[in-house]
Amino acid sequence: MPAYDEYFLDIAWSGGLDSLVELCIDLAPNGRQDIDIGTVTLPALKYLAVIGTYIIQPLIAAHAWVLPSLKYLVCMSASGLPEPNLVPALRNFGKSLHRLSLRGTYPRNLHLDLARLCPSLEFLEVDSTNVSVVINAHPSLRELHFTGAETPYPWRDSWEAF
């Protein structure tokens, strides 16, 4: 059983989901870890939620997608392993993000240059019990939510931009 829905991919590759605005992906726990599905373009997608499993990182396939309208990304990692696709995903479609929610298990001391990766970001939520997210000052960030994090304010730089 693949970790993704082949029917969804057939429709997406054919352009049949060009009007899709919201997508939630809950990866199958018994799915393959070597997902290479090529490029999926979803031009109208504004909300993407991806949920990994204990063996599959959530952004394993979606990090390379073309999502020019994406405004809100929810990424839930359950593996406890580093999510190697988070930074590539933010490089790829972070420029348009206004809201980012990182939930689940991430490596300790996760360093994210969100001012560069997500220059329009206004809302950041980190919901995890074993992560310290280190971020630089961010001029457009308006709301921060840290729940369950061991270090509630892990700022590396001053917040003079506010």
N, C-alpha and C. Protein backbone atom coordinates (compact mmCIF):
# COMPACT_ATOMS: atom_id res chain seq x y z
N MET A 1 0.85 -1.19 0.00
CA MET A 1 0.00 0.00 0.00
C MET A 1 0.89 1.24 0.00
N PRO A 2 0.73 2.12 -0.96
CA PRO A 2 1.56 3.33 -0.98
C PRO A 2 1.14 4.31 0.12
N ALA A 3 2.06 5.20 0.47
CA ALA A 3 1.79 6.19 1.51
C ALA A 3 0.99 7.36 0.96
N TYR A 4 0.64 7.33 -0.30
CA TYR A 4 -0.11 8.40 -0.93
C TYR A 4 -1.20 7.79 -1.78
N ASP A 5 -2.13 8.57 -2.19
CA ASP A 5 -3.27 8.11 -2.96
C ASP A 5 -2.97 8.28 -4.45
N GLU A 6 -2.82 7.18 -5.15
CA GLU A 6 -2.47 7.24 -6.58
C GLU A 6 -3.58 7.90 -7.40
N TYR A 7 -4.82 7.76 -6.97
CA TYR A 7 -5.92 8.40 -7.68
C TYR A 7 -5.79 9.93 -7.59
N PHE A 8 -5.45 10.42 -6.39
CA PHE A 8 -5.22 11.87 -6.20
C PHE A 8 -4.12 12.35 -7.14
N LEU A 9 -3.04 11.59 -7.23
CA LEU A 9 -1.91 11.99 -8.08
C LEU A 9 -2.30 12.02 -9.55
N ASP A 10 -3.06 11.04 -10.00
CA ASP A 10 -3.51 11.04 -11.39
C ASP A 10 -4.30 12.29 -11.72
N ILE A 11 -5.19 12.68 -10.81
CA ILE A 11 -6.00 13.88 -11.03
C ILE A 11 -5.12 15.13 -10.98
N ALA A 12 -4.22 15.19 -9.98
CA ALA A 12 -3.35 16.37 -9.83
C ALA A 12 -2.44 16.53 -11.03
N TRP A 13 -1.83 15.44 -11.50
CA TRP A 13 -0.93 15.52 -12.65
C TRP A 13 -1.65 15.97 -13.91
N SER A 14 -2.93 15.64 -14.02
CA SER A 14 -3.68 16.01 -15.23
C SER A 14 -4.24 17.44 -15.16
N GLY A 15 -4.00 18.14 -14.05
CA GLY A 15 -4.51 19.49 -13.90
C GLY A 15 -5.95 19.54 -13.40
N GLY A 16 -6.48 18.40 -12.99
CA GLY A 16 -7.87 18.32 -12.54
C GLY A 16 -8.11 18.91 -11.17
N LEU A 17 -7.07 19.36 -10.49
CA LEU A 17 -7.23 19.96 -9.16
C LEU A 17 -6.75 21.41 -9.13
N ASP A 18 -6.78 22.06 -10.26
CA ASP A 18 -6.28 23.44 -10.34
C ASP A 18 -7.08 24.42 -9.49
N SER A 19 -8.31 24.06 -9.11
CA SER A 19 -9.15 24.94 -8.29
C SER A 19 -9.11 24.56 -6.81
N LEU A 20 -8.38 23.50 -6.46
CA LEU A 20 -8.33 23.04 -5.08
C LEU A 20 -7.73 24.10 -4.17
N VAL A 21 -8.42 24.40 -3.06
CA VAL A 21 -8.00 25.45 -2.14
C VAL A 21 -7.45 24.88 -0.84
N GLU A 22 -7.95 23.74 -0.41
CA GLU A 22 -7.55 23.14 0.87
C GLU A 22 -7.26 21.66 0.69
N LEU A 23 -6.15 21.21 1.30
CA LEU A 23 -5.76 19.81 1.19
C LEU A 23 -5.15 19.35 2.51
N CYS A 24 -5.65 18.23 3.00
CA CYS A 24 -5.08 17.59 4.20
C CYS A 24 -4.60 16.21 3.80
N ILE A 25 -3.34 15.90 4.13
CA ILE A 25 -2.75 14.62 3.80
C ILE A 25 -2.32 13.94 5.08
N ASP A 26 -2.87 12.77 5.34
CA ASP A 26 -2.50 11.95 6.49
C ASP A 26 -1.85 10.70 5.92
N LEU A 27 -0.53 10.64 6.00
CA LEU A 27 0.20 9.54 5.37
C LEU A 27 -0.09 8.20 6.05
N ALA A 28 -0.13 7.15 5.25
CA ALA A 28 -0.41 5.80 5.77
C ALA A 28 0.77 5.28 6.57
N PRO A 29 0.54 4.74 7.76
CA PRO A 29 1.65 4.27 8.59
C PRO A 29 2.41 3.09 8.00
N ASN A 30 1.79 2.37 7.09
CA ASN A 30 2.47 1.23 6.48
C ASN A 30 2.96 1.56 5.06
N GLY A 31 3.04 2.84 4.75
CA GLY A 31 3.44 3.26 3.41
C GLY A 31 4.94 3.20 3.19
N ARG A 32 5.30 3.37 1.93
CA ARG A 32 6.72 3.38 1.56
C ARG A 32 7.38 4.65 2.03
N GLN A 33 8.67 4.55 2.34
CA GLN A 33 9.43 5.71 2.77
C GLN A 33 10.12 6.40 1.60
N ASP A 34 10.19 5.77 0.46
CA ASP A 34 10.92 6.30 -0.69
C ASP A 34 9.96 6.88 -1.73
N ILE A 35 9.21 7.85 -1.33
CA ILE A 35 8.20 8.42 -2.21
C ILE A 35 8.85 9.40 -3.18
N ASP A 36 8.70 9.13 -4.46
CA ASP A 36 9.17 10.05 -5.49
C ASP A 36 8.04 10.16 -6.50
N ILE A 37 7.20 11.18 -6.33
CA ILE A 37 6.01 11.28 -7.16
C ILE A 37 6.13 12.38 -8.20
N GLY A 38 7.28 13.01 -8.27
CA GLY A 38 7.46 14.07 -9.25
C GLY A 38 6.81 15.36 -8.80
N THR A 39 6.62 16.25 -9.75
CA THR A 39 6.10 17.58 -9.44
C THR A 39 4.58 17.58 -9.52
N VAL A 40 3.96 18.10 -8.48
CA VAL A 40 2.52 18.33 -8.46
C VAL A 40 2.33 19.84 -8.38
N THR A 41 1.51 20.39 -9.25
CA THR A 41 1.22 21.82 -9.24
C THR A 41 -0.23 22.02 -8.84
N LEU A 42 -0.41 22.78 -7.76
CA LEU A 42 -1.75 23.12 -7.28
C LEU A 42 -1.82 24.65 -7.17
N PRO A 43 -2.17 25.33 -8.27
CA PRO A 43 -2.05 26.78 -8.33
C PRO A 43 -2.96 27.56 -7.38
N ALA A 44 -4.09 27.01 -6.96
CA ALA A 44 -5.02 27.74 -6.10
C ALA A 44 -4.95 27.32 -4.64
N LEU A 45 -4.12 26.34 -4.31
CA LEU A 45 -4.07 25.82 -2.94
C LEU A 45 -3.62 26.89 -1.97
N LYS A 46 -4.44 27.11 -0.93
CA LYS A 46 -4.13 28.11 0.09
C LYS A 46 -3.78 27.47 1.43
N TYR A 47 -4.33 26.27 1.71
CA TYR A 47 -4.14 25.60 3.00
C TYR A 47 -3.66 24.18 2.75
N LEU A 48 -2.54 23.82 3.37
CA LEU A 48 -2.01 22.46 3.27
C LEU A 48 -1.67 21.97 4.66
N ALA A 49 -2.23 20.83 5.02
CA ALA A 49 -1.88 20.16 6.27
C ALA A 49 -1.33 18.79 5.92
N VAL A 50 -0.14 18.49 6.41
CA VAL A 50 0.47 17.18 6.16
C VAL A 50 0.81 16.54 7.51
N ILE A 51 0.44 15.28 7.66
CA ILE A 51 0.66 14.55 8.90
C ILE A 51 1.50 13.32 8.58
N GLY A 52 2.66 13.25 9.22
CA GLY A 52 3.55 12.11 9.02
C GLY A 52 3.20 10.96 9.95
N THR A 53 4.01 9.93 9.88
CA THR A 53 3.84 8.76 10.75
C THR A 53 5.15 8.53 11.49
N TYR A 54 5.21 7.47 12.24
CA TYR A 54 6.43 7.19 12.98
C TYR A 54 7.59 6.78 12.07
N ILE A 55 7.30 6.47 10.82
CA ILE A 55 8.40 6.11 9.90
C ILE A 55 8.47 7.01 8.67
N ILE A 56 7.48 7.84 8.44
CA ILE A 56 7.46 8.68 7.25
C ILE A 56 7.35 10.15 7.66
N GLN A 57 8.30 10.97 7.24
CA GLN A 57 8.25 12.40 7.53
C GLN A 57 7.13 13.03 6.71
N PRO A 58 6.46 14.04 7.27
CA PRO A 58 5.26 14.60 6.63
C PRO A 58 5.50 15.24 5.27
N LEU A 59 6.63 15.88 5.05
CA LEU A 59 6.86 16.62 3.81
C LEU A 59 7.64 15.83 2.77
N ILE A 60 7.70 14.52 2.92
CA ILE A 60 8.53 13.68 2.05
C ILE A 60 8.17 13.86 0.57
N ALA A 61 6.91 14.05 0.25
CA ALA A 61 6.51 14.23 -1.14
C ALA A 61 6.19 15.69 -1.45
N ALA A 62 5.51 16.36 -0.54
CA ALA A 62 4.98 17.70 -0.82
C ALA A 62 6.04 18.79 -0.86
N HIS A 63 7.23 18.56 -0.35
CA HIS A 63 8.24 19.63 -0.28
C HIS A 63 8.63 20.16 -1.66
N ALA A 64 8.45 19.38 -2.70
CA ALA A 64 8.84 19.81 -4.05
C ALA A 64 7.66 20.27 -4.90
N TRP A 65 6.48 20.30 -4.33
CA TRP A 65 5.31 20.71 -5.09
C TRP A 65 5.36 22.20 -5.42
N VAL A 66 4.64 22.58 -6.46
CA VAL A 66 4.52 23.98 -6.85
C VAL A 66 3.19 24.48 -6.28
N LEU A 67 3.30 25.38 -5.28
CA LEU A 67 2.13 25.88 -4.57
C LEU A 67 2.21 27.41 -4.46
N PRO A 68 2.00 28.12 -5.56
CA PRO A 68 2.22 29.56 -5.58
C PRO A 68 1.26 30.38 -4.71
N SER A 69 0.10 29.84 -4.35
CA SER A 69 -0.89 30.58 -3.57
C SER A 69 -0.95 30.16 -2.11
N LEU A 70 -0.06 29.26 -1.68
CA LEU A 70 -0.14 28.71 -0.32
C LEU A 70 0.03 29.81 0.73
N LYS A 71 -0.91 29.87 1.66
CA LYS A 71 -0.89 30.86 2.74
C LYS A 71 -0.69 30.22 4.11
N TYR A 72 -1.12 28.97 4.27
CA TYR A 72 -1.13 28.35 5.59
C TYR A 72 -0.62 26.91 5.45
N LEU A 73 0.45 26.60 6.19
CA LEU A 73 1.02 25.26 6.20
C LEU A 73 0.99 24.72 7.61
N VAL A 74 0.42 23.53 7.76
CA VAL A 74 0.46 22.79 9.02
C VAL A 74 1.27 21.54 8.75
N CYS A 75 2.32 21.35 9.54
CA CYS A 75 3.19 20.20 9.36
C CYS A 75 3.29 19.46 10.70
N MET A 76 2.80 18.24 10.74
CA MET A 76 2.83 17.46 11.97
C MET A 76 3.74 16.25 11.78
N SER A 77 4.84 16.25 12.53
CA SER A 77 5.81 15.17 12.46
C SER A 77 5.59 14.24 13.64
N ALA A 78 5.57 12.96 13.37
CA ALA A 78 5.37 11.98 14.43
C ALA A 78 6.55 11.01 14.57
N SER A 79 7.52 11.15 13.69
CA SER A 79 8.60 10.15 13.65
C SER A 79 9.64 10.33 14.74
N GLY A 80 9.82 11.55 15.23
CA GLY A 80 10.89 11.80 16.19
C GLY A 80 12.23 11.96 15.50
N LEU A 81 12.25 11.80 14.19
CA LEU A 81 13.47 11.95 13.40
C LEU A 81 13.49 13.35 12.82
N PRO A 82 14.66 13.86 12.48
CA PRO A 82 14.71 15.17 11.83
C PRO A 82 13.88 15.16 10.55
N GLU A 83 13.17 16.24 10.30
CA GLU A 83 12.38 16.39 9.07
C GLU A 83 13.27 17.10 8.06
N PRO A 84 13.99 16.34 7.22
CA PRO A 84 14.94 16.95 6.30
C PRO A 84 14.27 17.78 5.21
N ASN A 85 12.97 17.67 5.06
CA ASN A 85 12.28 18.37 3.99
C ASN A 85 11.63 19.68 4.41
N LEU A 86 11.72 20.04 5.70
CA LEU A 86 11.08 21.27 6.16
C LEU A 86 11.72 22.51 5.53
N VAL A 87 13.02 22.63 5.62
CA VAL A 87 13.69 23.81 5.04
C VAL A 87 13.53 23.84 3.52
N PRO A 88 13.73 22.71 2.80
CA PRO A 88 13.47 22.76 1.35
C PRO A 88 12.02 23.14 1.01
N ALA A 89 11.07 22.68 1.82
CA ALA A 89 9.67 23.05 1.58
C ALA A 89 9.47 24.55 1.77
N LEU A 90 10.05 25.10 2.84
CA LEU A 90 9.91 26.53 3.09
C LEU A 90 10.64 27.35 2.03
N ARG A 91 11.77 26.84 1.53
CA ARG A 91 12.45 27.52 0.41
C ARG A 91 11.57 27.52 -0.83
N ASN A 92 10.85 26.44 -1.03
CA ASN A 92 10.04 26.27 -2.22
C ASN A 92 8.75 27.09 -2.18
N PHE A 93 7.99 27.01 -1.09
CA PHE A 93 6.72 27.73 -1.07
C PHE A 93 6.52 28.59 0.17
N GLY A 94 7.59 28.91 0.88
CA GLY A 94 7.48 29.74 2.07
C GLY A 94 7.28 31.22 1.79
N LYS A 95 7.64 31.68 0.61
CA LYS A 95 7.55 33.11 0.29
C LYS A 95 6.12 33.64 0.41
N SER A 96 5.14 32.79 0.13
CA SER A 96 3.75 33.24 0.17
C SER A 96 3.06 32.93 1.50
N LEU A 97 3.72 32.20 2.39
CA LEU A 97 3.09 31.79 3.66
C LEU A 97 2.82 32.97 4.58
N HIS A 98 1.63 32.95 5.18
CA HIS A 98 1.26 33.91 6.22
C HIS A 98 1.18 33.22 7.57
N ARG A 99 0.88 31.91 7.55
CA ARG A 99 0.73 31.15 8.79
C ARG A 99 1.50 29.83 8.67
N LEU A 100 2.23 29.50 9.73
CA LEU A 100 2.99 28.26 9.78
C LEU A 100 2.76 27.61 11.13
N SER A 101 2.37 26.34 11.09
CA SER A 101 2.13 25.59 12.31
C SER A 101 2.98 24.33 12.27
N LEU A 102 3.91 24.21 13.21
CA LEU A 102 4.76 23.03 13.34
C LEU A 102 4.30 22.27 14.57
N ARG A 103 3.84 21.05 14.37
CA ARG A 103 3.31 20.25 15.47
C ARG A 103 4.00 18.90 15.50
N GLY A 104 4.05 18.32 16.68
CA GLY A 104 4.60 16.98 16.81
C GLY A 104 6.04 16.99 17.26
N THR A 105 6.82 16.09 16.71
CA THR A 105 8.19 15.87 17.15
C THR A 105 9.17 16.39 16.10
N TYR A 106 10.06 17.26 16.54
CA TYR A 106 11.11 17.81 15.69
C TYR A 106 12.43 17.70 16.43
N PRO A 107 13.54 17.83 15.73
CA PRO A 107 14.83 17.76 16.42
C PRO A 107 15.01 18.94 17.36
N ARG A 108 15.76 18.72 18.41
CA ARG A 108 16.05 19.81 19.35
C ARG A 108 16.83 20.91 18.65
N ASN A 109 16.61 22.14 19.08
CA ASN A 109 17.32 23.30 18.56
C ASN A 109 17.19 23.43 17.05
N LEU A 110 15.97 23.37 16.58
CA LEU A 110 15.68 23.55 15.16
C LEU A 110 15.91 25.02 14.81
N HIS A 111 16.84 25.28 13.92
CA HIS A 111 17.17 26.65 13.51
C HIS A 111 16.46 26.96 12.19
N LEU A 112 15.62 27.98 12.19
CA LEU A 112 14.90 28.38 11.00
C LEU A 112 15.11 29.87 10.76
N ASP A 113 15.57 30.21 9.58
CA ASP A 113 15.70 31.62 9.20
C ASP A 113 14.39 32.03 8.53
N LEU A 114 13.36 32.21 9.35
CA LEU A 114 12.02 32.47 8.82
C LEU A 114 11.89 33.81 8.13
N ALA A 115 12.71 34.78 8.51
CA ALA A 115 12.65 36.08 7.83
C ALA A 115 13.04 35.92 6.36
N ARG A 116 13.95 35.03 6.08
CA ARG A 116 14.38 34.78 4.71
C ARG A 116 13.47 33.77 4.02
N LEU A 117 13.13 32.68 4.73
CA LEU A 117 12.34 31.61 4.14
C LEU A 117 10.87 31.99 3.96
N CYS A 118 10.33 32.75 4.91
CA CYS A 118 8.91 33.10 4.91
C CYS A 118 8.77 34.59 5.21
N PRO A 119 9.11 35.46 4.28
CA PRO A 119 9.13 36.90 4.56
C PRO A 119 7.76 37.51 4.86
N SER A 120 6.67 36.86 4.48
CA SER A 120 5.33 37.39 4.73
C SER A 120 4.66 36.77 5.95
N LEU A 121 5.39 35.94 6.68
CA LEU A 121 4.82 35.21 7.81
C LEU A 121 4.30 36.16 8.88
N GLU A 122 3.06 35.92 9.32
CA GLU A 122 2.45 36.73 10.37
C GLU A 122 2.15 35.91 11.62
N PHE A 123 2.01 34.61 11.49
CA PHE A 123 1.61 33.75 12.60
C PHE A 123 2.50 32.50 12.61
N LEU A 124 3.08 32.21 13.75
CA LEU A 124 3.89 31.00 13.92
C LEU A 124 3.41 30.27 15.15
N GLU A 125 3.12 28.99 14.97
CA GLU A 125 2.72 28.13 16.07
C GLU A 125 3.68 26.95 16.13
N VAL A 126 4.21 26.70 17.31
CA VAL A 126 5.05 25.52 17.53
C VAL A 126 4.41 24.77 18.69
N ASP A 127 3.94 23.57 18.41
CA ASP A 127 3.28 22.75 19.41
C ASP A 127 4.06 21.45 19.51
N SER A 128 4.94 21.39 20.49
CA SER A 128 5.80 20.22 20.62
C SER A 128 6.30 20.14 22.05
N THR A 129 6.57 18.94 22.50
CA THR A 129 7.06 18.77 23.86
C THR A 129 8.57 18.64 23.94
N ASN A 130 9.24 18.48 22.82
CA ASN A 130 10.68 18.28 22.91
C ASN A 130 11.47 19.05 21.86
N VAL A 131 11.02 20.25 21.55
CA VAL A 131 11.74 21.04 20.54
C VAL A 131 11.97 22.45 21.06
N SER A 132 13.09 22.98 20.69
CA SER A 132 13.37 24.40 20.89
C SER A 132 13.61 24.98 19.51
N VAL A 133 12.69 25.79 19.05
CA VAL A 133 12.83 26.40 17.74
C VAL A 133 13.58 27.71 17.92
N VAL A 134 14.68 27.86 17.23
CA VAL A 134 15.47 29.08 17.29
C VAL A 134 15.21 29.85 16.00
N ILE A 135 14.67 31.06 16.14
CA ILE A 135 14.39 31.87 14.96
C ILE A 135 15.02 33.24 15.13
N ASN A 136 15.32 33.87 14.02
CA ASN A 136 15.82 35.24 14.02
C ASN A 136 14.65 36.20 14.13
N ALA A 137 14.96 37.47 14.35
CA ALA A 137 13.92 38.49 14.34
C ALA A 137 13.18 38.45 13.01
N HIS A 138 11.89 38.74 13.07
CA HIS A 138 11.07 38.67 11.86
C HIS A 138 10.17 39.90 11.82
N PRO A 139 10.32 40.77 10.81
CA PRO A 139 9.60 42.04 10.79
C PRO A 139 8.08 41.93 10.61
N SER A 140 7.57 40.87 9.99
CA SER A 140 6.12 40.82 9.75
C SER A 140 5.38 39.91 10.73
N LEU A 141 6.09 39.20 11.59
CA LEU A 141 5.46 38.28 12.53
C LEU A 141 4.64 39.04 13.57
N ARG A 142 3.36 38.65 13.70
CA ARG A 142 2.47 39.33 14.64
C ARG A 142 2.06 38.45 15.81
N GLU A 143 2.00 37.13 15.58
CA GLU A 143 1.57 36.22 16.63
C GLU A 143 2.52 35.04 16.73
N LEU A 144 2.87 34.69 17.97
CA LEU A 144 3.68 33.52 18.26
C LEU A 144 2.95 32.66 19.28
N HIS A 145 2.87 31.38 19.01
CA HIS A 145 2.26 30.45 19.96
C HIS A 145 3.24 29.30 20.18
N PHE A 146 3.73 29.18 21.38
CA PHE A 146 4.59 28.06 21.75
C PHE A 146 3.85 27.27 22.81
N THR A 147 3.41 26.08 22.48
CA THR A 147 2.73 25.23 23.44
C THR A 147 3.49 23.92 23.58
N GLY A 148 3.77 23.56 24.79
CA GLY A 148 4.48 22.31 25.05
C GLY A 148 5.97 22.40 24.86
N ALA A 149 6.48 23.50 24.33
CA ALA A 149 7.91 23.63 24.09
C ALA A 149 8.64 23.83 25.41
N GLU A 150 9.84 23.27 25.52
CA GLU A 150 10.61 23.38 26.74
C GLU A 150 11.10 24.80 26.97
N THR A 151 11.46 25.50 25.92
CA THR A 151 11.93 26.88 26.04
C THR A 151 10.90 27.77 25.36
N PRO A 152 10.14 28.56 26.14
CA PRO A 152 9.05 29.30 25.51
C PRO A 152 9.49 30.44 24.61
N TYR A 153 10.66 31.04 24.84
CA TYR A 153 11.10 32.17 24.02
C TYR A 153 12.55 31.99 23.59
N PRO A 154 12.81 31.13 22.63
CA PRO A 154 14.19 30.85 22.23
C PRO A 154 14.70 31.80 21.15
N TRP A 155 14.71 33.10 21.43
CA TRP A 155 15.12 34.07 20.42
C TRP A 155 16.64 34.12 20.33
N ARG A 156 17.12 34.18 19.12
CA ARG A 156 18.55 34.29 18.91
C ARG A 156 18.96 35.75 18.74
N ASP A 157 18.13 36.53 18.13
CA ASP A 157 18.42 37.95 17.91
C ASP A 157 17.39 38.79 18.66
N SER A 158 17.66 40.06 18.79
CA SER A 158 16.69 40.94 19.46
C SER A 158 15.49 41.15 18.54
N TRP A 159 14.43 41.64 19.14
CA TRP A 159 13.19 41.85 18.39
C TRP A 159 12.97 43.34 18.17
N GLU A 160 14.02 44.07 17.84
CA GLU A 160 13.91 45.51 17.63
C GLU A 160 13.01 45.86 16.44
N ALA A 161 12.79 44.91 15.54
CA ALA A 161 11.97 45.17 14.37
C ALA A 161 10.52 45.44 14.75
N PHE A 162 10.14 45.07 15.96
CA PHE A 162 8.76 45.31 16.39
C PHE A 162 8.68 46.68 16.97
